C-alpha atoms as a PDB file:
ATOM      1  CA  MET A   1     -48.449 113.164 134.177  1.00  0.00           C
ATOM      2  CA  MET A   2     -48.011 109.732 132.360  1.00  0.00           C
ATOM      3  CA  PRO A   3     -49.872 106.647 133.819  1.00  0.00           C
ATOM      4  CA  ARG A   4     -46.803 104.243 134.996  1.00  0.00           C
ATOM      5  CA  GLY A   5     -45.731 102.246 131.789  1.00  0.00           C
ATOM      6  CA  ARG A   6     -46.847 104.445 129.478  1.00  0.00           C
ATOM      7  CA  LYS A   7     -44.545 106.916 127.652  1.00  0.00           C
ATOM      8  CA  GLU A   8     -45.397 110.035 126.721  1.00  0.00           C
ATOM      9  CA  PRO A   9     -45.850 110.181 122.906  1.00  0.00           C
ATOM     10  CA  ALA A  10     -43.456 111.612 120.174  1.00  0.00           C
ATOM     11  CA  GLY A  11     -43.671 113.699 117.556  1.00  0.00           C
ATOM     12  CA  ALA A  12     -45.887 116.616 116.230  1.00  0.00           C
ATOM     13  CA  GLY A  13     -48.137 116.812 118.356  1.00  0.00           C
ATOM     14  CA  ALA A  14     -46.969 115.061 121.332  1.00  0.00           C
ATOM     15  CA  GLY A  15     -48.472 116.008 124.606  1.00  0.00           C
ATOM     16  CA  ILE A  16     -51.695 116.908 122.832  1.00  0.00           C
ATOM     17  CA  PRO A  17     -54.825 114.719 123.886  1.00  0.00           C
ATOM     18  CA  ALA A  18     -56.497 113.019 120.087  1.00  0.00           C
ATOM     19  CA  HIS A  19     -59.675 114.780 121.483  1.00  0.00           C
ATOM     20  CA  GLU A  20     -58.257 118.306 120.965  1.00  0.00           C
ATOM     21  CA  ARG A  21     -56.638 117.479 117.582  1.00  0.00           C
ATOM     22  CA  LEU A  22     -59.806 116.423 116.294  1.00  0.00           C
ATOM     23  CA  ALA A  23     -61.496 119.447 117.524  1.00  0.00           C
ATOM     24  CA  ALA A  24     -58.904 122.099 116.549  1.00  0.00           C
ATOM     25  CA  SER A  25     -59.551 119.921 113.042  1.00  0.00           C
ATOM     26  CA  ILE A  26     -62.629 120.403 113.081  1.00  0.00           C
ATOM     27  CA  TRP A  27     -62.258 124.387 113.982  1.00  0.00           C
ATOM     28  CA  VAL A  28     -59.863 124.693 111.094  1.00  0.00           C
ATOM     29  CA  ARG A  29     -62.495 123.439 108.431  1.00  0.00           C
ATOM     30  CA  PHE A  30     -65.393 125.005 109.641  1.00  0.00           C
ATOM     31  CA  TYR A  31     -64.000 128.897 110.084  1.00  0.00           C
ATOM     32  CA  ALA A  32     -61.995 127.531 106.642  1.00  0.00           C
ATOM     33  CA  SER A  33     -65.478 127.220 105.051  1.00  0.00           C
ATOM     34  CA  PHE A  34     -67.484 129.973 106.554  1.00  0.00           C
ATOM     35  CA  ALA A  35     -65.067 132.576 107.284  1.00  0.00           C
ATOM     36  CA  SER A  36     -63.691 134.977 104.011  1.00  0.00           C
ATOM     37  CA  PRO A  37     -59.806 135.036 103.558  1.00  0.00           C
ATOM     38  CA  GLY A  38     -60.172 138.437 104.611  1.00  0.00           C
ATOM     39  CA  LYS A  39     -61.990 137.743 108.042  1.00  0.00           C
ATOM     40  CA  ILE A  40     -59.714 135.179 108.888  1.00  0.00           C
ATOM     41  CA  LEU A  41     -56.783 137.730 108.022  1.00  0.00           C
ATOM     42  CA  GLU A  42     -57.608 139.606 110.621  1.00  0.00           C
ATOM     43  CA  GLN A  43     -58.247 137.964 112.911  1.00  0.00           C
ATOM     44  CA  PHE A  44     -54.452 136.014 112.248  1.00  0.00           C
ATOM     45  CA  ARG A  45     -53.018 140.003 112.083  1.00  0.00           C
ATOM     46  CA  SER A  46     -54.923 140.851 115.376  1.00  0.00           C
ATOM     47  CA  ASP A  47     -53.477 137.828 117.483  1.00  0.00           C
ATOM     48  CA  ALA A  48     -49.657 138.746 115.324  1.00  0.00           C
ATOM     49  CA  GLU A  49     -50.010 142.237 117.102  1.00  0.00           C
ATOM     50  CA  ARG A  50     -51.132 141.545 120.461  1.00  0.00           C
ATOM     51  CA  ALA A  51     -48.078 139.181 120.842  1.00  0.00           C
ATOM     52  CA  LEU A  52     -46.019 141.607 119.361  1.00  0.00           C
ATOM     53  CA  THR A  53     -47.375 144.791 121.941  1.00  0.00           C
ATOM     54  CA  LEU A  54     -46.833 142.446 124.670  1.00  0.00           C
ATOM     55  CA  ALA A  55     -43.257 141.731 123.173  1.00  0.00           C
ATOM     56  CA  ARG A  56     -42.775 144.945 123.171  1.00  0.00           C
ATOM     57  CA  ARG A  57     -43.011 145.946 126.720  1.00  0.00           C
ATOM     58  CA  LEU A  58     -40.355 143.338 128.543  1.00  0.00           C
ATOM     59  CA  SER A  59     -37.139 143.936 129.196  1.00  0.00           C
ATOM     60  CA  GLU A  60     -34.915 142.232 127.018  1.00  0.00           C
ATOM     61  CA  GLU A  61     -33.824 139.568 130.346  1.00  0.00           C
ATOM     62  CA  ALA A  62     -37.596 139.204 130.609  1.00  0.00           C
ATOM     63  CA  GLY A  63     -38.148 138.234 126.772  1.00  0.00           C
ATOM     64  CA  THR A  64     -35.062 136.154 126.959  1.00  0.00           C
ATOM     65  CA  ARG A  65     -36.340 133.687 130.311  1.00  0.00           C
ATOM     66  CA  PRO A  66     -38.082 130.506 129.384  1.00  0.00           C
ATOM     67  CA  VAL A  67     -40.734 130.095 131.829  1.00  0.00           C
ATOM     68  CA  CYS A  68     -42.956 126.692 132.530  1.00  0.00           C
ATOM     69  CA  ILE A  69     -46.748 127.225 131.998  1.00  0.00           C
ATOM     70  CA  ARG A  70     -49.372 124.922 132.546  1.00  0.00           C
ATOM     71  CA  ARG A  71     -50.444 122.799 129.048  1.00  0.00           C
ATOM     72  CA  PHE A  72     -53.351 124.837 127.913  1.00  0.00           C
ATOM     73  CA  PRO A  73     -55.274 123.322 124.919  1.00  0.00           C
ATOM     74  CA  GLY A  74     -53.756 123.080 121.985  1.00  0.00           C
ATOM     75  CA  ILE A  75     -50.118 123.732 123.418  1.00  0.00           C
ATOM     76  CA  GLU A  76     -48.018 120.814 123.079  1.00  0.00           C
ATOM     77  CA  ALA A  77     -45.727 118.837 125.957  1.00  0.00           C
ATOM     78  CA  GLU A  78     -42.196 120.223 124.903  1.00  0.00           C
ATOM     79  CA  SER A  79     -43.426 124.079 124.267  1.00  0.00           C
ATOM     80  CA  ARG A  80     -44.725 124.888 127.488  1.00  0.00           C
ATOM     81  CA  ASP A  81     -41.063 126.357 128.715  1.00  0.00           C
ATOM     82  CA  TRP A  82     -39.948 128.514 126.146  1.00  0.00           C
ATOM     83  CA  SER A  83     -39.199 132.641 126.583  1.00  0.00           C
ATOM     84  CA  VAL A  84     -41.715 134.908 125.002  1.00  0.00           C
ATOM     85  CA  TYR A  85     -38.841 135.829 122.741  1.00  0.00           C
ATOM     86  CA  MET A  86     -38.873 131.656 121.601  1.00  0.00           C
ATOM     87  CA  THR A  87     -42.277 131.754 121.284  1.00  0.00           C
ATOM     88  CA  LEU A  88     -41.989 134.430 118.578  1.00  0.00           C
ATOM     89  CA  ASP A  89     -39.321 132.624 116.796  1.00  0.00           C
ATOM     90  CA  HIS A  90     -41.838 129.679 116.739  1.00  0.00           C
ATOM     91  CA  LEU A  91     -44.685 132.051 114.837  1.00  0.00           C
ATOM     92  CA  VAL A  92     -41.927 133.454 112.450  1.00  0.00           C
ATOM     93  CA  MET A  93     -40.796 129.436 111.439  1.00  0.00           C
ATOM     94  CA  ILE A  94     -44.639 128.498 111.222  1.00  0.00           C
ATOM     95  CA  ASN A  95     -46.089 131.393 109.226  1.00  0.00           C
ATOM     96  CA  THR A  96     -42.913 131.935 106.939  1.00  0.00           C
ATOM     97  CA  ALA A  97     -43.415 128.341 105.913  1.00  0.00           C
ATOM     98  CA  ILE A  98     -46.869 128.150 105.696  1.00  0.00           C
ATOM     99  CA  THR A  99     -46.688 131.646 103.654  1.00  0.00           C
ATOM    100  CA  ALA A 100     -44.759 129.389 101.285  1.00  0.00           C
ATOM    101  CA  LEU A 101     -46.945 126.655 101.090  1.00  0.00           C
ATOM    102  CA  ILE A 102     -49.925 128.998 100.399  1.00  0.00           C
ATOM    103  CA  HIS A 103     -48.425 130.231  97.467  1.00  0.00           C
ATOM    104  CA  ALA A 104     -47.259 126.991  95.980  1.00  0.00           C
ATOM    105  CA  ILE A 105     -50.721 125.512  96.679  1.00  0.00           C
ATOM    106  CA  CYS A 106     -52.562 128.317  94.902  1.00  0.00           C
ATOM    107  CA  SER A 107     -49.742 128.815  91.938  1.00  0.00           C
ATOM    108  CA  ALA A 108     -50.454 125.209  90.827  1.00  0.00           C
ATOM    109  CA  ARG A 109     -46.952 124.208  90.454  1.00  0.00           C
ATOM    110  CA  GLY A 110     -45.174 121.271  92.145  1.00  0.00           C
ATOM    111  CA  HIS A 111     -43.782 122.909  95.212  1.00  0.00           C
ATOM    112  CA  GLY A 112     -41.370 121.560  96.907  1.00  0.00           C
ATOM    113  CA  VAL A 113     -42.056 122.643 100.132  1.00  0.00           C
ATOM    114  CA  GLU A 114     -41.646 120.736 103.220  1.00  0.00           C
ATOM    115  CA  ILE A 115     -42.841 121.310 107.274  1.00  0.00           C
ATOM    116  CA  ARG A 116     -40.847 119.284 109.393  1.00  0.00           C
ATOM    117  CA  VAL A 117     -41.505 119.781 112.933  1.00  0.00           C
ATOM    118  CA  GLU A 118     -37.920 119.683 113.788  1.00  0.00           C
ATOM    119  CA  ASP A 119     -37.474 123.012 111.566  1.00  0.00           C
ATOM    120  CA  VAL A 120     -40.162 124.665 113.357  1.00  0.00           C
ATOM    121  CA  LYS A 121     -38.312 124.668 116.637  1.00  0.00           C
ATOM    122  CA  PRO A 122     -37.300 127.910 117.893  1.00  0.00           C
ATOM    123  CA  HIS A 123     -33.781 128.326 119.310  1.00  0.00           C
ATOM    124  CA  PRO A 124     -33.199 128.644 122.675  1.00  0.00           C
ATOM    125  CA  ASP A 125     -31.011 132.271 122.150  1.00  0.00           C
ATOM    126  CA  ALA A 126     -33.666 133.617 120.539  1.00  0.00           C
ATOM    127  CA  GLY A 127     -33.758 137.453 121.143  1.00  0.00           C
ATOM    128  CA  PRO A 128     -35.372 140.851 120.680  1.00  0.00           C
ATOM    129  CA  ASP A 129     -34.848 140.760 116.814  1.00  0.00           C
ATOM    130  CA  ARG A 130     -37.836 138.193 116.656  1.00  0.00           C
ATOM    131  CA  ILE A 131     -40.210 141.743 117.547  1.00  0.00           C
ATOM    132  CA  PRO A 132     -39.016 142.893 114.003  1.00  0.00           C
ATOM    133  CA  ALA A 133     -38.526 139.237 112.021  1.00  0.00           C
ATOM    134  CA  LEU A 134     -42.502 138.419 113.026  1.00  0.00           C
ATOM    135  CA  GLU A 135     -43.280 142.179 112.165  1.00  0.00           C
ATOM    136  CA  ALA A 136     -42.065 141.922 108.748  1.00  0.00           C
ATOM    137  CA  LEU A 137     -43.261 138.294 108.378  1.00  0.00           C
ATOM    138  CA  VAL A 138     -46.808 139.261 108.998  1.00  0.00           C
ATOM    139  CA  GLU A 139     -46.710 142.184 106.620  1.00  0.00           C
ATOM    140  CA  ARG A 140     -45.448 139.262 103.631  1.00  0.00           C
ATOM    141  CA  TYR A 141     -48.266 136.877 105.047  1.00  0.00           C
ATOM    142  CA  ALA A 142     -51.097 140.219 105.020  1.00  0.00           C
ATOM    143  CA  HIS A 143     -49.825 140.933 101.038  1.00  0.00           C
ATOM    144  CA  GLN A 144     -49.662 137.964  99.885  1.00  0.00           C
ATOM    145  CA  ILE A 145     -52.823 136.540 101.033  1.00  0.00           C
ATOM    146  CA  ASP A 146     -54.593 140.176  99.936  1.00  0.00           C
ATOM    147  CA  CYS A 147     -53.326 139.631  96.372  1.00  0.00           C
ATOM    148  CA  LEU A 148     -54.466 135.072  96.084  1.00  0.00           C
ATOM    149  CA  GLY A 149     -57.924 136.408  96.910  1.00  0.00           C
ATOM    150  CA  LEU A 150     -60.336 133.637  97.827  1.00  0.00           C
ATOM    151  CA  LEU A 151     -57.722 130.919  98.408  1.00  0.00           C
ATOM    152  CA  GLN A 152     -59.916 128.903  96.015  1.00  0.00           C
ATOM    153  CA  SER A 153     -57.420 126.016  95.087  1.00  0.00           C
ATOM    154  CA  CYS A 154     -58.279 122.949  95.235  1.00  0.00           C
ATOM    155  CA  ALA A 155     -54.822 121.560  95.935  1.00  0.00           C
ATOM    156  CA  ARG A 156     -53.965 120.095  99.410  1.00  0.00           C
ATOM    157  CA  TYR A 157     -50.922 120.286 101.490  1.00  0.00           C
ATOM    158  CA  PRO A 158     -50.752 117.564 104.735  1.00  0.00           C
ATOM    159  CA  HIS A 159     -50.635 118.274 108.001  1.00  0.00           C
ATOM    160  CA  PRO A 160     -49.477 115.830 110.125  1.00  0.00           C
ATOM    161  CA  TRP A 161     -52.095 116.271 112.573  1.00  0.00           C
ATOM    162  CA  PHE A 162     -55.061 117.343 109.932  1.00  0.00           C
ATOM    163  CA  GLY A 163     -54.098 115.635 107.186  1.00  0.00           C
ATOM    164  CA  PRO A 164     -54.449 117.281 103.490  1.00  0.00           C
ATOM    165  CA  LEU A 165     -55.359 120.908 103.723  1.00  0.00           C
ATOM    166  CA  THR A 166     -56.515 123.381 100.991  1.00  0.00           C
ATOM    167  CA  ALA A 167     -54.563 127.087 100.542  1.00  0.00           C
ATOM    168  CA  ARG A 168     -57.852 127.965 102.664  1.00  0.00           C
ATOM    169  CA  GLN A 169     -57.853 125.915 105.553  1.00  0.00           C
ATOM    170  CA  TRP A 170     -53.933 126.377 105.879  1.00  0.00           C
ATOM    171  CA  HIS A 171     -54.762 130.099 106.249  1.00  0.00           C
ATOM    172  CA  ALA A 172     -57.450 129.373 108.602  1.00  0.00           C
ATOM    173  CA  LEU A 173     -54.924 127.210 110.851  1.00  0.00           C
ATOM    174  CA  ALA A 174     -52.185 130.189 110.706  1.00  0.00           C
ATOM    175  CA  ALA A 175     -54.631 132.665 112.778  1.00  0.00           C
ATOM    176  CA  LEU A 176     -55.612 129.295 114.891  1.00  0.00           C
ATOM    177  CA  HIS A 177     -51.909 128.861 115.198  1.00  0.00           C
ATOM    178  CA  ASN A 178     -51.245 132.470 115.800  1.00  0.00           C
ATOM    179  CA  ARG A 179     -54.152 132.730 118.788  1.00  0.00           C
ATOM    180  CA  ILE A 180     -52.780 129.677 120.546  1.00  0.00           C
ATOM    181  CA  HIS A 181     -48.967 131.029 121.024  1.00  0.00           C
ATOM    182  CA  ARG A 182     -51.150 134.420 122.060  1.00  0.00           C
ATOM    183  CA  LEU A 183     -51.976 133.017 125.047  1.00  0.00           C
ATOM    184  CA  GLN A 184     -48.820 131.336 125.639  1.00  0.00           C
ATOM    185  CA  ILE A 185     -46.919 134.474 125.699  1.00  0.00           C
ATOM    186  CA  GLU A 186     -49.498 135.951 127.538  1.00  0.00           C
ATOM    187  CA  LYS A 187     -49.270 133.116 130.289  1.00  0.00           C
ATOM    188  CA  ILE A 188     -45.550 133.506 130.132  1.00  0.00           C
ATOM    189  CA  ILE A 189     -45.551 137.075 131.041  1.00  0.00           C
ATOM    190  CA  ASP A 190     -48.071 136.413 134.001  1.00  0.00           C
ATOM    191  CA  ARG A 191     -45.049 134.104 135.256  1.00  0.00           C
ATOM    192  CA  LEU A 192     -42.912 136.585 134.498  1.00  0.00           C
ATOM    193  CA  ASP A 193     -44.271 138.597 137.563  1.00  0.00           C
END
């Protein structure tokens, strides 16, 4: 709850305290510096597969039911009342954009890729089709990372919270993002019972 007279911040990162954004920025840069792209990919894949396993166990009614959860580190205030399928929809959108962005950064061409906050908000009517969509995206992402190797491009693309990131840092961010939303799915399912 915001103190009287103060408004909730708007835009990217709304409802996430500055210290959490700073900690995430430091973690992304540290992880990208010390973990190999293959190791980061293992984490990316592990959290995505766990989210998919949890989603597959749900009935369609349960998967589409929005549930309000407590905010936890890394979750924006406005995403606290999503359904499991909405969360998968968001993961498909973000990871599709990051896949294109990493390829563009590593190809050293003008890329024209833009990730806007309004373009990655999940659809309220997201359904079970998000399960195979995320499965396919994870395979496409993994194939790209395997093909690109060490992700050593010096080019950068700005993130709205973290500033300019290299391809390897975007890769680390994708893994962190999967982890946060896998946790969100677990919390949603706990509230469904």
